[in-house]
Amino acid sequence: WAERSRKRILRILPRQTLATVTLPARES
């Protein structure tokens, strides 16, 4: 039951890929 639930959740909510975010340079 837990395995079926996990597969169902993964099918409904697609995995989000982590995007690399570049932060602006800090002021000196």
mmCIF file of all heavy atoms, coordinates in Angstrom:
data_MODEL
# 
_entry.id   MODEL 
# 
loop_
_atom_site.group_PDB 
_atom_site.id 
_atom_site.type_symbol 
_atom_site.label_atom_id 
_atom_site.label_alt_id 
_atom_site.label_comp_id 
_atom_site.label_asym_id 
_atom_site.label_entity_id 
_atom_site.label_seq_id 
_atom_site.pdbx_PDB_ins_code 
_atom_site.Cartn_x 
_atom_site.Cartn_y 
_atom_site.Cartn_z 
_atom_site.occupancy 
_atom_site.B_iso_or_equiv 
_atom_site.pdbx_formal_charge 
_atom_site.auth_seq_id 
_atom_site.auth_comp_id 
_atom_site.auth_asym_id 
_atom_site.auth_atom_id 
_atom_site.pdbx_PDB_model_num 
ATOM 1   N N   . TRP A 1 1  ? 0.836  -1.197 0.000   1.00 0.00 ? 1  TRP A N   1 
ATOM 2   C CA  . TRP A 1 1  ? 0.000  0.000  0.000   1.00 0.00 ? 1  TRP A CA  1 
ATOM 3   C C   . TRP A 1 1  ? 0.873  1.250  0.000   1.00 0.00 ? 1  TRP A C   1 
ATOM 4   O O   . TRP A 1 1  ? 0.625  2.196  -0.750  1.00 0.00 ? 1  TRP A O   1 
ATOM 5   C CB  . TRP A 1 1  ? -0.918 -0.005 1.216   1.00 0.00 ? 1  TRP A CB  1 
ATOM 6   C CG  . TRP A 1 1  ? -1.760 1.218  1.310   1.00 0.00 ? 1  TRP A CG  1 
ATOM 7   C CD1 . TRP A 1 1  ? -2.946 1.448  0.700   1.00 0.00 ? 1  TRP A CD1 1 
ATOM 8   C CD2 . TRP A 1 1  ? -1.453 2.404  2.048   1.00 0.00 ? 1  TRP A CD2 1 
ATOM 9   N NE1 . TRP A 1 1  ? -3.414 2.698  1.018   1.00 0.00 ? 1  TRP A NE1 1 
ATOM 10  C CE2 . TRP A 1 1  ? -2.502 3.313  1.849   1.00 0.00 ? 1  TRP A CE2 1 
ATOM 11  C CE3 . TRP A 1 1  ? -0.395 2.787  2.859   1.00 0.00 ? 1  TRP A CE3 1 
ATOM 12  C CZ2 . TRP A 1 1  ? -2.521 4.574  2.424   1.00 0.00 ? 1  TRP A CZ2 1 
ATOM 13  C CZ3 . TRP A 1 1  ? -0.410 4.044  3.434   1.00 0.00 ? 1  TRP A CZ3 1 
ATOM 14  C CH2 . TRP A 1 1  ? -1.463 4.919  3.211   1.00 0.00 ? 1  TRP A CH2 1 
ATOM 15  N N   . ALA A 1 2  ? 1.917  1.275  0.831   1.00 0.00 ? 2  ALA A N   1 
ATOM 16  C CA  . ALA A 1 2  ? 2.812  2.430  0.891   1.00 0.00 ? 2  ALA A CA  1 
ATOM 17  C C   . ALA A 1 2  ? 3.555  2.615  -0.430  1.00 0.00 ? 2  ALA A C   1 
ATOM 18  O O   . ALA A 1 2  ? 3.740  3.746  -0.900  1.00 0.00 ? 2  ALA A O   1 
ATOM 19  C CB  . ALA A 1 2  ? 3.799  2.265  2.037   1.00 0.00 ? 2  ALA A CB  1 
ATOM 20  N N   . GLU A 1 3  ? 3.958  1.516  -1.047  1.00 0.00 ? 3  GLU A N   1 
ATOM 21  C CA  . GLU A 1 3  ? 4.658  1.590  -2.331  1.00 0.00 ? 3  GLU A CA  1 
ATOM 22  C C   . GLU A 1 3  ? 3.737  2.136  -3.423  1.00 0.00 ? 3  GLU A C   1 
ATOM 23  O O   . GLU A 1 3  ? 4.142  2.981  -4.228  1.00 0.00 ? 3  GLU A O   1 
ATOM 24  C CB  . GLU A 1 3  ? 5.181  0.208  -2.712  1.00 0.00 ? 3  GLU A CB  1 
ATOM 25  C CG  . GLU A 1 3  ? 6.031  0.191  -3.935  1.00 0.00 ? 3  GLU A CG  1 
ATOM 26  C CD  . GLU A 1 3  ? 7.341  0.936  -3.767  1.00 0.00 ? 3  GLU A CD  1 
ATOM 27  O OE1 . GLU A 1 3  ? 7.781  1.137  -2.632  1.00 0.00 ? 3  GLU A OE1 1 
ATOM 28  O OE2 . GLU A 1 3  ? 7.904  1.335  -4.806  1.00 0.00 ? 3  GLU A OE2 1 
ATOM 29  N N   . ARG A 1 4  ? 2.491  1.684  -3.452  1.00 0.00 ? 4  ARG A N   1 
ATOM 30  C CA  . ARG A 1 4  ? 1.530  2.211  -4.444  1.00 0.00 ? 4  ARG A CA  1 
ATOM 31  C C   . ARG A 1 4  ? 1.273  3.697  -4.219  1.00 0.00 ? 4  ARG A C   1 
ATOM 32  O O   . ARG A 1 4  ? 1.192  4.471  -5.170  1.00 0.00 ? 4  ARG A O   1 
ATOM 33  C CB  . ARG A 1 4  ? 0.216  1.439  -4.360  1.00 0.00 ? 4  ARG A CB  1 
ATOM 34  C CG  . ARG A 1 4  ? 0.238  0.090  -5.002  1.00 0.00 ? 4  ARG A CG  1 
ATOM 35  C CD  . ARG A 1 4  ? -1.158 -0.489 -5.145  1.00 0.00 ? 4  ARG A CD  1 
ATOM 36  N NE  . ARG A 1 4  ? -1.928 -0.448 -3.910  1.00 0.00 ? 4  ARG A NE  1 
ATOM 37  C CZ  . ARG A 1 4  ? -1.967 -1.420 -3.004  1.00 0.00 ? 4  ARG A CZ  1 
ATOM 38  N NH1 . ARG A 1 4  ? -1.270 -2.525 -3.185  1.00 0.00 ? 4  ARG A NH1 1 
ATOM 39  N NH2 . ARG A 1 4  ? -2.711 -1.312 -1.916  1.00 0.00 ? 4  ARG A NH2 1 
ATOM 40  N N   . SER A 1 5  ? 1.163  4.105  -2.967  1.00 0.00 ? 5  SER A N   1 
ATOM 41  C CA  . SER A 1 5  ? 0.923  5.519  -2.654  1.00 0.00 ? 5  SER A CA  1 
ATOM 42  C C   . SER A 1 5  ? 2.098  6.379  -3.084  1.00 0.00 ? 5  SER A C   1 
ATOM 43  O O   . SER A 1 5  ? 1.918  7.467  -3.629  1.00 0.00 ? 5  SER A O   1 
ATOM 44  C CB  . SER A 1 5  ? 0.681  5.693  -1.158  1.00 0.00 ? 5  SER A CB  1 
ATOM 45  O OG  . SER A 1 5  ? -0.464 5.007  -0.768  1.00 0.00 ? 5  SER A OG  1 
ATOM 46  N N   . ARG A 1 6  ? 3.314  5.889  -2.829  1.00 0.00 ? 6  ARG A N   1 
ATOM 47  C CA  . ARG A 1 6  ? 4.503  6.642  -3.223  1.00 0.00 ? 6  ARG A CA  1 
ATOM 48  C C   . ARG A 1 6  ? 4.562  6.803  -4.742  1.00 0.00 ? 6  ARG A C   1 
ATOM 49  O O   . ARG A 1 6  ? 4.825  7.902  -5.251  1.00 0.00 ? 6  ARG A O   1 
ATOM 50  C CB  . ARG A 1 6  ? 5.767  5.930  -2.721  1.00 0.00 ? 6  ARG A CB  1 
ATOM 51  C CG  . ARG A 1 6  ? 7.038  6.729  -2.939  1.00 0.00 ? 6  ARG A CG  1 
ATOM 52  C CD  . ARG A 1 6  ? 8.259  5.943  -2.535  1.00 0.00 ? 6  ARG A CD  1 
ATOM 53  N NE  . ARG A 1 6  ? 8.460  4.772  -3.367  1.00 0.00 ? 6  ARG A NE  1 
ATOM 54  C CZ  . ARG A 1 6  ? 9.016  4.800  -4.575  1.00 0.00 ? 6  ARG A CZ  1 
ATOM 55  N NH1 . ARG A 1 6  ? 9.397  5.934  -5.097  1.00 0.00 ? 6  ARG A NH1 1 
ATOM 56  N NH2 . ARG A 1 6  ? 9.172  3.690  -5.253  1.00 0.00 ? 6  ARG A NH2 1 
ATOM 57  N N   . LYS A 1 7  ? 4.271  5.746  -5.484  1.00 0.00 ? 7  LYS A N   1 
ATOM 58  C CA  . LYS A 1 7  ? 4.287  5.832  -6.944  1.00 0.00 ? 7  LYS A CA  1 
ATOM 59  C C   . LYS A 1 7  ? 3.208  6.778  -7.456  1.00 0.00 ? 7  LYS A C   1 
ATOM 60  O O   . LYS A 1 7  ? 3.432  7.527  -8.412  1.00 0.00 ? 7  LYS A O   1 
ATOM 61  C CB  . LYS A 1 7  ? 4.092  4.446  -7.557  1.00 0.00 ? 7  LYS A CB  1 
ATOM 62  C CG  . LYS A 1 7  ? 5.309  3.571  -7.430  1.00 0.00 ? 7  LYS A CG  1 
ATOM 63  C CD  . LYS A 1 7  ? 5.059  2.216  -8.048  1.00 0.00 ? 7  LYS A CD  1 
ATOM 64  C CE  . LYS A 1 7  ? 6.276  1.325  -7.915  1.00 0.00 ? 7  LYS A CE  1 
ATOM 65  N NZ  . LYS A 1 7  ? 6.045  -0.016 -8.455  1.00 0.00 ? 7  LYS A NZ  1 
ATOM 66  N N   . ARG A 1 8  ? 2.034  6.757  -6.811  1.00 0.00 ? 8  ARG A N   1 
ATOM 67  C CA  . ARG A 1 8  ? 0.950  7.638  -7.231  1.00 0.00 ? 8  ARG A CA  1 
ATOM 68  C C   . ARG A 1 8  ? 1.325  9.100  -7.006  1.00 0.00 ? 8  ARG A C   1 
ATOM 69  O O   . ARG A 1 8  ? 1.099  9.949  -7.861  1.00 0.00 ? 8  ARG A O   1 
ATOM 70  C CB  . ARG A 1 8  ? -0.326 7.303  -6.460  1.00 0.00 ? 8  ARG A CB  1 
ATOM 71  C CG  . ARG A 1 8  ? -1.530 8.106  -6.880  1.00 0.00 ? 8  ARG A CG  1 
ATOM 72  C CD  . ARG A 1 8  ? -2.771 7.667  -6.138  1.00 0.00 ? 8  ARG A CD  1 
ATOM 73  N NE  . ARG A 1 8  ? -2.634 7.695  -4.687  1.00 0.00 ? 8  ARG A NE  1 
ATOM 74  C CZ  . ARG A 1 8  ? -2.798 8.791  -3.937  1.00 0.00 ? 8  ARG A CZ  1 
ATOM 75  N NH1 . ARG A 1 8  ? -3.095 9.928  -4.504  1.00 0.00 ? 8  ARG A NH1 1 
ATOM 76  N NH2 . ARG A 1 8  ? -2.680 8.720  -2.631  1.00 0.00 ? 8  ARG A NH2 1 
ATOM 77  N N   . ILE A 1 9  ? 1.927  9.399  -5.865  1.00 0.00 ? 9  ILE A N   1 
ATOM 78  C CA  . ILE A 1 9  ? 2.334  10.775 -5.569  1.00 0.00 ? 9  ILE A CA  1 
ATOM 79  C C   . ILE A 1 9  ? 3.391  11.241 -6.551  1.00 0.00 ? 9  ILE A C   1 
ATOM 80  O O   . ILE A 1 9  ? 3.345  12.370 -7.048  1.00 0.00 ? 9  ILE A O   1 
ATOM 81  C CB  . ILE A 1 9  ? 2.823  10.892 -4.117  1.00 0.00 ? 9  ILE A CB  1 
ATOM 82  C CG1 . ILE A 1 9  ? 1.633  10.751 -3.169  1.00 0.00 ? 9  ILE A CG1 1 
ATOM 83  C CG2 . ILE A 1 9  ? 3.558  12.201 -3.876  1.00 0.00 ? 9  ILE A CG2 1 
ATOM 84  C CD1 . ILE A 1 9  ? 2.016  10.627 -1.716  1.00 0.00 ? 9  ILE A CD1 1 
ATOM 85  N N   . LEU A 1 10 ? 4.365  10.370 -6.872  1.00 0.00 ? 10 LEU A N   1 
ATOM 86  C CA  . LEU A 1 10 ? 5.403  10.748 -7.826  1.00 0.00 ? 10 LEU A CA  1 
ATOM 87  C C   . LEU A 1 10 ? 4.836  10.960 -9.223  1.00 0.00 ? 10 LEU A C   1 
ATOM 88  O O   . LEU A 1 10 ? 5.355  11.762 -9.993  1.00 0.00 ? 10 LEU A O   1 
ATOM 89  C CB  . LEU A 1 10 ? 6.507  9.691  -7.849  1.00 0.00 ? 10 LEU A CB  1 
ATOM 90  C CG  . LEU A 1 10 ? 7.367  9.619  -6.598  1.00 0.00 ? 10 LEU A CG  1 
ATOM 91  C CD1 . LEU A 1 10 ? 8.364  8.483  -6.710  1.00 0.00 ? 10 LEU A CD1 1 
ATOM 92  C CD2 . LEU A 1 10 ? 8.079  10.932 -6.355  1.00 0.00 ? 10 LEU A CD2 1 
ATOM 93  N N   . ARG A 1 11 ? 3.774  10.242 -9.556  1.00 0.00 ? 11 ARG A N   1 
ATOM 94  C CA  . ARG A 1 11 ? 3.153  10.412 -10.868 1.00 0.00 ? 11 ARG A CA  1 
ATOM 95  C C   . ARG A 1 11 ? 2.364  11.713 -10.921 1.00 0.00 ? 11 ARG A C   1 
ATOM 96  O O   . ARG A 1 11 ? 2.363  12.412 -11.935 1.00 0.00 ? 11 ARG A O   1 
ATOM 97  C CB  . ARG A 1 11 ? 2.243  9.221  -11.156 1.00 0.00 ? 11 ARG A CB  1 
ATOM 98  C CG  . ARG A 1 11 ? 1.723  9.181  -12.557 1.00 0.00 ? 11 ARG A CG  1 
ATOM 99  C CD  . ARG A 1 11 ? 0.799  8.018  -12.785 1.00 0.00 ? 11 ARG A CD  1 
ATOM 100 N NE  . ARG A 1 11 ? -0.322 8.119  -11.845 1.00 0.00 ? 11 ARG A NE  1 
ATOM 101 C CZ  . ARG A 1 11 ? -0.819 7.107  -11.156 1.00 0.00 ? 11 ARG A CZ  1 
ATOM 102 N NH1 . ARG A 1 11 ? -0.324 5.911  -11.288 1.00 0.00 ? 11 ARG A NH1 1 
ATOM 103 N NH2 . ARG A 1 11 ? -1.826 7.271  -10.322 1.00 0.00 ? 11 ARG A NH2 1 
ATOM 104 N N   . ILE A 1 12 ? 1.688  12.068 -9.834  1.00 0.00 ? 12 ILE A N   1 
ATOM 105 C CA  . ILE A 1 12 ? 0.868  13.277 -9.807  1.00 0.00 ? 12 ILE A CA  1 
ATOM 106 C C   . ILE A 1 12 ? 1.730  14.526 -9.729  1.00 0.00 ? 12 ILE A C   1 
ATOM 107 O O   . ILE A 1 12 ? 1.517  15.493 -10.456 1.00 0.00 ? 12 ILE A O   1 
ATOM 108 C CB  . ILE A 1 12 ? -0.122 13.222 -8.624  1.00 0.00 ? 12 ILE A CB  1 
ATOM 109 C CG1 . ILE A 1 12 ? -1.142 12.116 -8.856  1.00 0.00 ? 12 ILE A CG1 1 
ATOM 110 C CG2 . ILE A 1 12 ? -0.815 14.555 -8.435  1.00 0.00 ? 12 ILE A CG2 1 
ATOM 111 C CD1 . ILE A 1 12 ? -2.022 11.842 -7.665  1.00 0.00 ? 12 ILE A CD1 1 
ATOM 112 N N   . LEU A 1 13 ? 2.692  14.513 -8.848  1.00 0.00 ? 13 LEU A N   1 
ATOM 113 C CA  . LEU A 1 13 ? 3.563  15.674 -8.674  1.00 0.00 ? 13 LEU A CA  1 
ATOM 114 C C   . LEU A 1 13 ? 4.900  15.408 -9.355  1.00 0.00 ? 13 LEU A C   1 
ATOM 115 O O   . LEU A 1 13 ? 5.730  14.693 -8.815  1.00 0.00 ? 13 LEU A O   1 
ATOM 116 C CB  . LEU A 1 13 ? 3.798  15.948 -7.186  1.00 0.00 ? 13 LEU A CB  1 
ATOM 117 C CG  . LEU A 1 13 ? 2.562  16.188 -6.333  1.00 0.00 ? 13 LEU A CG  1 
ATOM 118 C CD1 . LEU A 1 13 ? 2.949  16.276 -4.875  1.00 0.00 ? 13 LEU A CD1 1 
ATOM 119 C CD2 . LEU A 1 13 ? 1.884  17.456 -6.775  1.00 0.00 ? 13 LEU A CD2 1 
ATOM 120 N N   . PRO A 1 14 ? 5.096  15.974 -10.530 1.00 0.00 ? 14 PRO A N   1 
ATOM 121 C CA  . PRO A 1 14 ? 6.381  15.722 -11.206 1.00 0.00 ? 14 PRO A CA  1 
ATOM 122 C C   . PRO A 1 14 ? 7.522  16.306 -10.387 1.00 0.00 ? 14 PRO A C   1 
ATOM 123 O O   . PRO A 1 14 ? 7.374  17.308 -9.688  1.00 0.00 ? 14 PRO A O   1 
ATOM 124 C CB  . PRO A 1 14 ? 6.233  16.437 -12.550 1.00 0.00 ? 14 PRO A CB  1 
ATOM 125 C CG  . PRO A 1 14 ? 5.160  17.433 -12.337 1.00 0.00 ? 14 PRO A CG  1 
ATOM 126 C CD  . PRO A 1 14 ? 4.260  16.890 -11.277 1.00 0.00 ? 14 PRO A CD  1 
ATOM 127 N N   . ARG A 1 15 ? 8.623  15.626 -10.461 1.00 0.00 ? 15 ARG A N   1 
ATOM 128 C CA  . ARG A 1 15 ? 9.791  16.098 -9.704  1.00 0.00 ? 15 ARG A CA  1 
ATOM 129 C C   . ARG A 1 15 ? 10.256 17.440 -10.261 1.00 0.00 ? 15 ARG A C   1 
ATOM 130 O O   . ARG A 1 15 ? 10.352 17.638 -11.466 1.00 0.00 ? 15 ARG A O   1 
ATOM 131 C CB  . ARG A 1 15 ? 10.922 15.089 -9.792  1.00 0.00 ? 15 ARG A CB  1 
ATOM 132 C CG  . ARG A 1 15 ? 10.644 13.838 -9.035  1.00 0.00 ? 15 ARG A CG  1 
ATOM 133 C CD  . ARG A 1 15 ? 11.877 13.014 -8.973  1.00 0.00 ? 15 ARG A CD  1 
ATOM 134 N NE  . ARG A 1 15 ? 11.625 11.840 -8.154  1.00 0.00 ? 15 ARG A NE  1 
ATOM 135 C CZ  . ARG A 1 15 ? 12.552 10.989 -7.818  1.00 0.00 ? 15 ARG A CZ  1 
ATOM 136 N NH1 . ARG A 1 15 ? 13.776 11.152 -8.228  1.00 0.00 ? 15 ARG A NH1 1 
ATOM 137 N NH2 . ARG A 1 15 ? 12.261 9.962  -7.072  1.00 0.00 ? 15 ARG A NH2 1 
ATOM 138 N N   . GLN A 1 16 ? 10.562 18.326 -9.359  1.00 0.00 ? 16 GLN A N   1 
ATOM 139 C CA  . GLN A 1 16 ? 11.041 19.643 -9.762  1.00 0.00 ? 16 GLN A CA  1 
ATOM 140 C C   . GLN A 1 16 ? 12.560 19.588 -9.821  1.00 0.00 ? 16 GLN A C   1 
ATOM 141 O O   . GLN A 1 16 ? 13.201 19.138 -8.891  1.00 0.00 ? 16 GLN A O   1 
ATOM 142 C CB  . GLN A 1 16 ? 10.603 20.703 -8.769  1.00 0.00 ? 16 GLN A CB  1 
ATOM 143 C CG  . GLN A 1 16 ? 9.101  20.858 -8.676  1.00 0.00 ? 16 GLN A CG  1 
ATOM 144 C CD  . GLN A 1 16 ? 8.703  21.841 -7.589  1.00 0.00 ? 16 GLN A CD  1 
ATOM 145 O OE1 . GLN A 1 16 ? 9.546  22.297 -6.845  1.00 0.00 ? 16 GLN A OE1 1 
ATOM 146 N NE2 . GLN A 1 16 ? 7.431  22.128 -7.511  1.00 0.00 ? 16 GLN A NE2 1 
ATOM 147 N N   . THR A 1 17 ? 13.089 20.048 -10.944 1.00 0.00 ? 17 THR A N   1 
ATOM 148 C CA  . THR A 1 17 ? 14.546 20.072 -11.065 1.00 0.00 ? 17 THR A CA  1 
ATOM 149 C C   . THR A 1 17 ? 15.057 21.321 -10.375 1.00 0.00 ? 17 THR A C   1 
ATOM 150 O O   . THR A 1 17 ? 14.449 22.397 -10.441 1.00 0.00 ? 17 THR A O   1 
ATOM 151 C CB  . THR A 1 17 ? 14.972 20.079 -12.541 1.00 0.00 ? 17 THR A CB  1 
ATOM 152 O OG1 . THR A 1 17 ? 14.394 21.210 -13.164 1.00 0.00 ? 17 THR A OG1 1 
ATOM 153 C CG2 . THR A 1 17 ? 14.541 18.807 -13.240 1.00 0.00 ? 17 THR A CG2 1 
ATOM 154 N N   . LEU A 1 18 ? 16.150 21.163 -9.703  1.00 0.00 ? 18 LEU A N   1 
ATOM 155 C CA  . LEU A 1 18 ? 16.737 22.299 -9.002  1.00 0.00 ? 18 LEU A CA  1 
ATOM 156 C C   . LEU A 1 18 ? 17.507 23.149 -10.001 1.00 0.00 ? 18 LEU A C   1 
ATOM 157 O O   . LEU A 1 18 ? 18.428 22.680 -10.650 1.00 0.00 ? 18 LEU A O   1 
ATOM 158 C CB  . LEU A 1 18 ? 17.669 21.805 -7.895  1.00 0.00 ? 18 LEU A CB  1 
ATOM 159 C CG  . LEU A 1 18 ? 16.983 21.014 -6.780  1.00 0.00 ? 18 LEU A CG  1 
ATOM 160 C CD1 . LEU A 1 18 ? 18.025 20.494 -5.814  1.00 0.00 ? 18 LEU A CD1 1 
ATOM 161 C CD2 . LEU A 1 18 ? 15.998 21.900 -6.048  1.00 0.00 ? 18 LEU A CD2 1 
ATOM 162 N N   . ALA A 1 19 ? 17.121 24.399 -10.134 1.00 0.00 ? 19 ALA A N   1 
ATOM 163 C CA  . ALA A 1 19 ? 17.802 25.316 -11.043 1.00 0.00 ? 19 ALA A CA  1 
ATOM 164 C C   . ALA A 1 19 ? 18.885 26.062 -10.272 1.00 0.00 ? 19 ALA A C   1 
ATOM 165 O O   . ALA A 1 19 ? 18.723 26.426 -9.116  1.00 0.00 ? 19 ALA A O   1 
ATOM 166 C CB  . ALA A 1 19 ? 16.809 26.318 -11.624 1.00 0.00 ? 19 ALA A CB  1 
ATOM 167 N N   . THR A 1 20 ? 19.993 26.304 -10.926 1.00 0.00 ? 20 THR A N   1 
ATOM 168 C CA  . THR A 1 20 ? 21.072 27.060 -10.311 1.00 0.00 ? 20 THR A CA  1 
ATOM 169 C C   . THR A 1 20 ? 20.747 28.546 -10.436 1.00 0.00 ? 20 THR A C   1 
ATOM 170 O O   . THR A 1 20 ? 20.496 29.050 -11.525 1.00 0.00 ? 20 THR A O   1 
ATOM 171 C CB  . THR A 1 20 ? 22.410 26.764 -11.013 1.00 0.00 ? 20 THR A CB  1 
ATOM 172 O OG1 . THR A 1 20 ? 22.614 25.358 -10.982 1.00 0.00 ? 20 THR A OG1 1 
ATOM 173 C CG2 . THR A 1 20 ? 23.553 27.463 -10.332 1.00 0.00 ? 20 THR A CG2 1 
ATOM 174 N N   . VAL A 1 21 ? 20.750 29.222 -9.330  1.00 0.00 ? 21 VAL A N   1 
ATOM 175 C CA  . VAL A 1 21 ? 20.424 30.640 -9.304  1.00 0.00 ? 21 VAL A CA  1 
ATOM 176 C C   . VAL A 1 21 ? 21.720 31.412 -9.071  1.00 0.00 ? 21 VAL A C   1 
ATOM 177 O O   . VAL A 1 21 ? 22.466 31.136 -8.143  1.00 0.00 ? 21 VAL A O   1 
ATOM 178 C CB  . VAL A 1 21 ? 19.419 30.953 -8.169  1.00 0.00 ? 21 VAL A CB  1 
ATOM 179 C CG1 . VAL A 1 21 ? 19.130 32.437 -8.102  1.00 0.00 ? 21 VAL A CG1 1 
ATOM 180 C CG2 . VAL A 1 21 ? 18.144 30.161 -8.376  1.00 0.00 ? 21 VAL A CG2 1 
ATOM 181 N N   . THR A 1 22 ? 21.970 32.403 -9.940  1.00 0.00 ? 22 THR A N   1 
ATOM 182 C CA  . THR A 1 22 ? 23.152 33.250 -9.790  1.00 0.00 ? 22 THR A CA  1 
ATOM 183 C C   . THR A 1 22 ? 22.724 34.541 -9.107  1.00 0.00 ? 22 THR A C   1 
ATOM 184 O O   . THR A 1 22 ? 21.864 35.267 -9.606  1.00 0.00 ? 22 THR A O   1 
ATOM 185 C CB  . THR A 1 22 ? 23.772 33.571 -11.159 1.00 0.00 ? 22 THR A CB  1 
ATOM 186 O OG1 . THR A 1 22 ? 24.022 32.331 -11.836 1.00 0.00 ? 22 THR A OG1 1 
ATOM 187 C CG2 . THR A 1 22 ? 25.057 34.349 -11.019 1.00 0.00 ? 22 THR A CG2 1 
ATOM 188 N N   . LEU A 1 23 ? 23.295 34.793 -7.956  1.00 0.00 ? 23 LEU A N   1 
ATOM 189 C CA  . LEU A 1 23 ? 22.962 35.993 -7.208  1.00 0.00 ? 23 LEU A CA  1 
ATOM 190 C C   . LEU A 1 23 ? 23.778 37.167 -7.726  1.00 0.00 ? 23 LEU A C   1 
ATOM 191 O O   . LEU A 1 23 ? 24.916 37.013 -8.174  1.00 0.00 ? 23 LEU A O   1 
ATOM 192 C CB  . LEU A 1 23 ? 23.260 35.774 -5.728  1.00 0.00 ? 23 LEU A CB  1 
ATOM 193 C CG  . LEU A 1 23 ? 22.434 34.675 -5.051  1.00 0.00 ? 23 LEU A CG  1 
ATOM 194 C CD1 . LEU A 1 23 ? 22.921 34.469 -3.632  1.00 0.00 ? 23 LEU A CD1 1 
ATOM 195 C CD2 . LEU A 1 23 ? 20.967 35.027 -5.064  1.00 0.00 ? 23 LEU A CD2 1 
ATOM 196 N N   . PRO A 1 24 ? 23.217 38.376 -7.662  1.00 0.00 ? 24 PRO A N   1 
ATOM 197 C CA  . PRO A 1 24 ? 23.989 39.550 -8.107  1.00 0.00 ? 24 PRO A CA  1 
ATOM 198 C C   . PRO A 1 24 ? 25.157 39.785 -7.175  1.00 0.00 ? 24 PRO A C   1 
ATOM 199 O O   . PRO A 1 24 ? 25.131 39.423 -5.996  1.00 0.00 ? 24 PRO A O   1 
ATOM 200 C CB  . PRO A 1 24 ? 22.982 40.694 -8.041  1.00 0.00 ? 24 PRO A CB  1 
ATOM 201 C CG  . PRO A 1 24 ? 21.898 40.220 -7.141  1.00 0.00 ? 24 PRO A CG  1 
ATOM 202 C CD  . PRO A 1 24 ? 21.882 38.743 -7.231  1.00 0.00 ? 24 PRO A CD  1 
ATOM 203 N N   . ALA A 1 25 ? 26.188 40.414 -7.715  1.00 0.00 ? 25 ALA A N   1 
ATOM 204 C CA  . ALA A 1 25 ? 27.383 40.672 -6.913  1.00 0.00 ? 25 ALA A CA  1 
ATOM 205 C C   . ALA A 1 25 ? 27.040 41.669 -5.807  1.00 0.00 ? 25 ALA A C   1 
ATOM 206 O O   . ALA A 1 25 ? 26.247 42.591 -6.006  1.00 0.00 ? 25 ALA A O   1 
ATOM 207 C CB  . ALA A 1 25 ? 28.501 41.226 -7.798  1.00 0.00 ? 25 ALA A CB  1 
ATOM 208 N N   . ARG A 1 26 ? 27.622 41.492 -4.656  1.00 0.00 ? 26 ARG A N   1 
ATOM 209 C CA  . ARG A 1 26 ? 27.372 42.399 -3.530  1.00 0.00 ? 26 ARG A CA  1 
ATOM 210 C C   . ARG A 1 26 ? 28.175 43.678 -3.712  1.00 0.00 ? 26 ARG A C   1 
ATOM 211 O O   . ARG A 1 26 ? 29.256 43.687 -4.287  1.00 0.00 ? 26 ARG A O   1 
ATOM 212 C CB  . ARG A 1 26 ? 27.768 41.735 -2.222  1.00 0.00 ? 26 ARG A CB  1 
ATOM 213 C CG  . ARG A 1 26 ? 26.883 40.578 -1.883  1.00 0.00 ? 26 ARG A CG  1 
ATOM 214 C CD  . ARG A 1 26 ? 27.310 39.997 -0.560  1.00 0.00 ? 26 ARG A CD  1 
ATOM 215 N NE  . ARG A 1 26 ? 26.326 39.052 -0.113  1.00 0.00 ? 26 ARG A NE  1 
ATOM 216 C CZ  . ARG A 1 26 ? 25.726 39.097 1.059   1.00 0.00 ? 26 ARG A CZ  1 
ATOM 217 N NH1 . ARG A 1 26 ? 26.054 40.025 1.916   1.00 0.00 ? 26 ARG A NH1 1 
ATOM 218 N NH2 . ARG A 1 26 ? 24.837 38.207 1.387   1.00 0.00 ? 26 ARG A NH2 1 
ATOM 219 N N   . GLU A 1 27 ? 27.618 44.700 -3.178  1.00 0.00 ? 27 GLU A N   1 
ATOM 220 C CA  . GLU A 1 27 ? 28.331 45.973 -3.232  1.00 0.00 ? 27 GLU A CA  1 
ATOM 221 C C   . GLU A 1 27 ? 29.468 45.972 -2.225  1.00 0.00 ? 27 GLU A C   1 
ATOM 222 O O   . GLU A 1 27 ? 29.359 45.375 -1.173  1.00 0.00 ? 27 GLU A O   1 
ATOM 223 C CB  . GLU A 1 27 ? 27.382 47.121 -2.915  1.00 0.00 ? 27 GLU A CB  1 
ATOM 224 C CG  . GLU A 1 27 ? 26.278 47.274 -3.934  1.00 0.00 ? 27 GLU A CG  1 
ATOM 225 C CD  . GLU A 1 27 ? 25.355 48.417 -3.571  1.00 0.00 ? 27 GLU A CD  1 
ATOM 226 O OE1 . GLU A 1 27 ? 25.817 49.389 -2.943  1.00 0.00 ? 27 GLU A OE1 1 
ATOM 227 O OE2 . GLU A 1 27 ? 24.178 48.310 -3.884  1.00 0.00 ? 27 GLU A OE2 1 
ATOM 228 N N   . SER A 1 28 ? 30.501 46.654 -2.570  1.00 0.00 ? 28 SER A N   1 
ATOM 229 C CA  . SER A 1 28 ? 31.634 46.742 -1.668  1.00 0.00 ? 28 SER A CA  1 
ATOM 230 C C   . SER A 1 28 ? 31.543 48.051 -0.902  1.00 0.00 ? 28 SER A C   1 
ATOM 231 O O   . SER A 1 28 ? 31.448 49.127 -1.488  1.00 0.00 ? 28 SER A O   1 
ATOM 232 C CB  . SER A 1 28 ? 32.935 46.688 -2.483  1.00 0.00 ? 28 SER A CB  1 
ATOM 233 O OG  . SER A 1 28 ? 34.012 46.863 -1.608  1.00 0.00 ? 28 SER A OG  1 
# 
